[in-house]
Amino acid sequence: MRDAIIGPRAASVSANEPTNLPGVLHAAWLIARKDLAIEFRTRTAFFSSIVFALLGLTIFYFAWDPTAVAAVDIAPGVLWVIFTFSGLLGLQRSFGVEQADGAMDALLAAPVDREAIYLGKALANVLFVAGVQAIALPALALFYSVPLGGVWLPLAGIALLAAVGIVAVGTLFSAMAVNTRLAELLLPMLSLPFFLPIVTAAAQTTARLVAGRPAAEAWPWLRILLGFDLVFVVACAVAFPYTLDE
């Protein structure tokens, strides 16, 4: 069936006038908007991630001994543990939402590049993770009494860079794992080793910002974060079409 779908699509792309096809970025935005509209109607994954993030912050708060560890020392680690696992909840539904009614076949039959499917899914996931971060960051400042007022703008930038890296890898592995029987287990197993450099660099950069250390101390970690994003966004976009052929 897949060959029957992909074959006519390939023929139509080569035979029809390409000027009528949407550009990659425009097609990616349409796919992202579709995913966001579905999530806005159901809100199940987003609310689940928010509840998970707030519950994690609460558990860490009651397990924390403020006389032994200062808030500025524990907060960055707590923050990025929460972001990592709440982000996985969103990535899990990225391609799962297409499975119920065979919508993935319709995407493959559409006259768009497969890279556009990846970029659209990734864009929706970045906005999803950013929404979770926008709620979890103020909650962290409230729970742990961490002064974020002077560093909220660079901290938001770090959170966005980390979200891009997590989503770039997680979206690719979500596409690979969605058709397996153990998708819920396989996605974390594949993704978490690749998340490690992102989370480490983001946590180290966040720790230095929150502690009021000079920006030069955070720059080496920030370079790792930027480099990871540049390499893996391109690499995962290139590799994505091959995951759909397997």
Protein backbone atom coordinates (compact mmCIF):
# COMPACT_ATOMS: atom_id res chain seq x y z
CA MET A 1 0.00 0.00 0.00
CA ARG A 2 2.81 2.36 0.89
CA ASP A 3 4.43 1.84 -2.53
CA ALA A 4 1.09 2.48 -4.19
CA ILE A 5 0.80 5.75 -2.30
CA ILE A 6 4.38 6.91 -2.69
CA GLY A 7 4.62 5.92 -6.35
CA PRO A 8 1.85 8.22 -7.68
CA ARG A 9 3.08 10.98 -5.41
CA ALA A 10 6.59 10.77 -6.85
CA ALA A 11 5.21 10.74 -10.38
CA SER A 12 2.97 13.73 -9.75
CA VAL A 13 5.83 15.71 -8.22
CA SER A 14 8.04 15.10 -11.24
CA ALA A 15 5.35 15.46 -13.91
CA ASN A 16 3.29 18.36 -12.64
CA GLU A 17 4.53 21.90 -12.59
CA PRO A 18 6.61 22.30 -9.38
CA THR A 19 5.73 25.96 -9.10
CA ASN A 20 2.26 24.97 -7.87
CA LEU A 21 3.67 23.01 -4.95
CA PRO A 22 4.02 24.76 -1.61
CA GLY A 23 7.53 25.57 -0.51
CA VAL A 24 9.13 23.46 2.15
CA LEU A 25 8.75 26.09 4.85
CA HIS A 26 5.16 26.86 3.93
CA ALA A 27 4.28 23.16 3.90
CA ALA A 28 6.05 22.70 7.24
CA TRP A 29 4.02 25.51 8.74
CA LEU A 30 0.76 23.97 7.47
CA ILE A 31 1.67 20.62 9.04
CA ALA A 32 2.67 22.28 12.30
CA ARG A 33 -0.56 24.28 12.36
CA LYS A 34 -2.55 21.09 11.83
CA ASP A 35 -0.81 19.36 14.75
CA LEU A 36 -1.26 22.39 16.99
CA ALA A 37 -4.95 22.63 16.08
CA ILE A 38 -5.45 18.97 17.04
CA GLU A 39 -3.63 19.50 20.33
CA PHE A 40 -5.59 22.69 21.02
CA ARG A 41 -8.85 20.80 20.64
CA THR A 42 -7.87 17.89 22.88
CA ARG A 43 -5.20 19.44 25.14
CA THR A 44 -4.51 15.99 26.58
CA ALA A 45 -0.75 15.83 25.92
CA PHE A 46 -0.15 19.45 26.92
CA PHE A 47 -2.05 19.18 30.19
CA SER A 48 -0.35 15.85 30.93
CA SER A 49 3.06 17.46 30.45
CA ILE A 50 2.12 20.45 32.62
CA VAL A 51 0.84 18.20 35.40
CA PHE A 52 3.99 16.09 35.16
CA ALA A 53 6.23 19.17 35.32
CA LEU A 54 4.42 20.66 38.32
CA LEU A 55 4.29 17.31 40.09
CA GLY A 56 8.02 16.83 39.53
CA LEU A 57 8.77 20.30 40.90
CA THR A 58 6.65 19.53 43.95
CA ILE A 59 8.30 16.18 44.64
CA PHE A 60 11.80 17.64 44.34
CA TYR A 61 10.76 20.54 46.57
CA PHE A 62 9.67 18.31 49.45
CA ALA A 63 12.74 16.09 49.05
CA TRP A 64 15.07 19.12 49.11
CA ASP A 65 16.89 20.13 52.27
CA PRO A 66 17.55 23.89 51.97
CA THR A 67 20.06 23.74 54.84
CA ALA A 68 22.24 21.30 52.88
CA VAL A 69 21.92 22.52 49.29
CA ALA A 70 21.26 26.09 48.18
CA ALA A 71 18.32 26.75 45.88
CA VAL A 72 20.54 28.16 43.12
CA ASP A 73 22.50 24.90 43.14
CA ILE A 74 19.59 22.49 42.92
CA ALA A 75 17.19 24.47 40.73
CA PRO A 76 18.99 24.07 37.35
CA GLY A 77 19.20 20.30 37.70
CA VAL A 78 15.55 20.01 38.72
CA LEU A 79 14.51 22.28 35.88
CA TRP A 80 16.18 20.26 33.14
CA VAL A 81 15.13 16.88 34.48
CA ILE A 82 11.55 18.15 34.37
CA PHE A 83 11.91 19.60 30.88
CA THR A 84 13.48 16.42 29.49
CA PHE A 85 10.78 14.02 30.62
CA SER A 86 7.83 16.34 30.07
CA GLY A 87 9.17 16.92 26.55
CA LEU A 88 9.16 13.17 25.93
CA LEU A 89 5.43 13.11 26.65
CA GLY A 90 4.87 15.59 23.84
CA LEU A 91 7.21 13.81 21.44
CA GLN A 92 5.40 10.54 22.07
CA ARG A 93 2.20 11.92 20.53
CA SER A 94 3.96 13.62 17.61
CA PHE A 95 3.39 10.77 15.16
CA GLY A 96 0.98 8.77 17.29
CA VAL A 97 -1.73 11.28 16.45
CA GLU A 98 -1.48 10.19 12.80
CA GLN A 99 -1.95 6.48 13.51
CA ALA A 100 -5.62 6.31 14.46
CA ASP A 101 -7.09 7.09 11.01
CA GLY A 102 -4.10 6.48 8.75
CA ALA A 103 -3.35 10.19 8.38
CA MET A 104 0.34 9.44 7.83
CA ASP A 105 -0.51 7.88 4.46
CA ALA A 106 -2.25 11.11 3.49
CA LEU A 107 0.84 13.11 4.45
CA LEU A 108 3.03 10.81 2.34
CA ALA A 109 0.64 11.17 -0.60
CA ALA A 110 0.58 14.95 -0.34
CA PRO A 111 2.74 16.84 -2.89
CA VAL A 112 5.26 18.04 -0.31
CA ASP A 113 8.82 17.11 0.45
CA ARG A 114 9.28 14.67 3.29
CA GLU A 115 11.67 17.11 4.90
CA ALA A 116 8.67 19.43 5.22
CA ILE A 117 6.85 16.74 7.23
CA TYR A 118 9.78 16.52 9.60
CA LEU A 119 10.15 20.29 9.94
CA GLY A 120 6.42 20.73 10.50
CA LYS A 121 6.34 18.07 13.20
CA ALA A 122 9.47 19.52 14.80
CA LEU A 123 8.07 23.06 14.76
CA ALA A 124 4.87 21.91 16.47
CA ASN A 125 6.93 20.03 19.05
CA VAL A 126 9.15 23.07 19.73
CA LEU A 127 6.08 25.20 20.40
CA PHE A 128 4.67 22.43 22.59
CA VAL A 129 7.85 22.18 24.68
CA ALA A 130 8.15 25.99 24.83
CA GLY A 131 4.63 26.16 26.23
CA VAL A 132 5.55 23.72 28.98
CA GLN A 133 8.70 25.72 29.71
CA ALA A 134 6.74 28.97 29.89
CA ILE A 135 4.70 27.54 32.78
CA ALA A 136 7.41 25.51 34.50
CA LEU A 137 9.97 28.36 34.70
CA PRO A 138 7.78 30.69 36.81
CA ALA A 139 6.72 27.70 38.91
CA LEU A 140 10.39 26.91 39.58
CA ALA A 141 11.08 30.49 40.65
CA LEU A 142 8.06 30.36 42.97
CA PHE A 143 8.79 26.98 44.54
CA TYR A 144 12.50 27.48 45.09
CA SER A 145 12.57 31.26 45.54
CA VAL A 146 15.16 31.58 42.78
CA PRO A 147 15.58 35.17 41.54
CA LEU A 148 15.16 34.93 37.78
CA GLY A 149 14.17 38.54 37.14
CA GLY A 150 17.61 39.65 35.95
CA VAL A 151 18.31 36.58 33.80
CA TRP A 152 14.91 35.60 32.45
CA LEU A 153 15.67 36.73 28.88
CA PRO A 154 18.95 34.77 28.42
CA LEU A 155 17.38 31.88 30.32
CA ALA A 156 14.47 31.86 27.87
CA GLY A 157 16.99 31.78 25.02
CA ILE A 158 18.79 28.80 26.55
CA ALA A 159 15.48 27.02 27.08
CA LEU A 160 14.56 27.58 23.42
CA LEU A 161 17.93 26.32 22.17
CA ALA A 162 17.63 23.23 24.34
CA ALA A 163 14.06 22.67 23.15
CA VAL A 164 15.25 22.78 19.53
CA GLY A 165 17.93 20.16 20.22
CA ILE A 166 15.59 17.87 22.14
CA VAL A 167 12.90 18.14 19.50
CA ALA A 168 15.29 17.67 16.56
CA VAL A 169 16.38 14.28 17.87
CA GLY A 170 13.10 13.29 19.50
CA THR A 171 10.99 13.93 16.40
CA LEU A 172 13.19 11.65 14.30
CA PHE A 173 13.10 8.84 16.87
CA SER A 174 9.37 9.30 17.37
CA ALA A 175 8.87 8.59 13.66
CA MET A 176 11.07 5.49 13.95
CA ALA A 177 9.35 4.13 17.07
CA VAL A 178 5.70 4.90 16.35
CA ASN A 179 5.01 1.70 14.36
CA THR A 180 6.61 -0.60 16.90
CA ARG A 181 4.74 -2.43 19.64
CA LEU A 182 6.96 -0.92 22.34
CA ALA A 183 6.93 2.68 21.13
CA GLU A 184 6.49 4.08 24.66
CA LEU A 185 9.65 2.26 25.75
CA LEU A 186 11.68 2.57 22.57
CA LEU A 187 11.44 6.35 22.22
CA PRO A 188 13.08 7.12 25.62
CA MET A 189 15.70 4.42 25.07
CA LEU A 190 16.72 5.91 21.72
CA SER A 191 16.40 9.57 22.68
CA LEU A 192 17.85 9.89 26.17
CA PRO A 193 21.49 9.15 25.21
CA PHE A 194 21.29 11.96 22.64
CA PHE A 195 19.55 14.26 25.12
CA LEU A 196 22.48 13.97 27.53
CA PRO A 197 24.77 16.59 25.90
CA ILE A 198 21.83 18.97 25.44
CA VAL A 199 20.63 18.70 29.02
CA THR A 200 24.17 18.86 30.44
CA ALA A 201 25.07 21.99 28.47
CA ALA A 202 21.72 23.66 29.25
CA ALA A 203 21.95 22.84 32.97
CA GLN A 204 25.54 24.09 33.23
CA THR A 205 24.68 27.32 31.40
CA THR A 206 21.57 27.83 33.53
CA ALA A 207 23.51 27.21 36.76
CA ARG A 208 26.03 29.92 35.89
CA LEU A 209 23.34 32.41 34.93
CA VAL A 210 21.27 31.82 38.06
CA ALA A 211 24.35 32.04 40.28
CA GLY A 212 25.29 35.39 38.75
CA ARG A 213 28.60 34.15 37.34
CA PRO A 214 30.31 35.97 34.44
CA ALA A 215 28.86 35.22 31.03
CA ALA A 216 32.28 34.05 29.82
CA GLU A 217 32.00 30.99 32.06
CA ALA A 218 28.77 29.93 30.35
CA TRP A 219 30.02 30.46 26.80
CA PRO A 220 31.81 27.06 26.35
CA TRP A 221 28.61 25.23 27.32
CA LEU A 222 26.51 27.51 25.15
CA ARG A 223 28.74 26.69 22.17
CA ILE A 224 28.05 22.98 22.72
CA LEU A 225 24.33 23.70 22.72
CA LEU A 226 24.52 25.78 19.54
CA GLY A 227 26.71 23.22 17.79
CA PHE A 228 24.41 20.36 18.71
CA ASP A 229 21.39 22.22 17.36
CA LEU A 230 23.07 23.10 14.06
CA VAL A 231 24.36 19.58 13.44
CA PHE A 232 21.33 17.57 14.50
CA VAL A 233 18.62 19.74 12.96
CA VAL A 234 20.27 19.31 9.56
CA ALA A 235 21.24 15.65 10.10
CA CYS A 236 17.81 14.61 11.35
CA ALA A 237 16.01 16.46 8.54
CA VAL A 238 18.21 14.64 5.99
CA ALA A 239 17.74 11.25 7.68
CA PHE A 240 13.99 11.55 8.21
CA PRO A 241 12.83 10.51 4.70
CA TYR A 242 14.71 7.21 5.05
CA THR A 243 12.87 6.37 8.27
CA LEU A 244 9.58 6.40 6.33
CA ASP A 245 10.90 3.90 3.79
CA GLU A 246 11.71 1.28 6.43
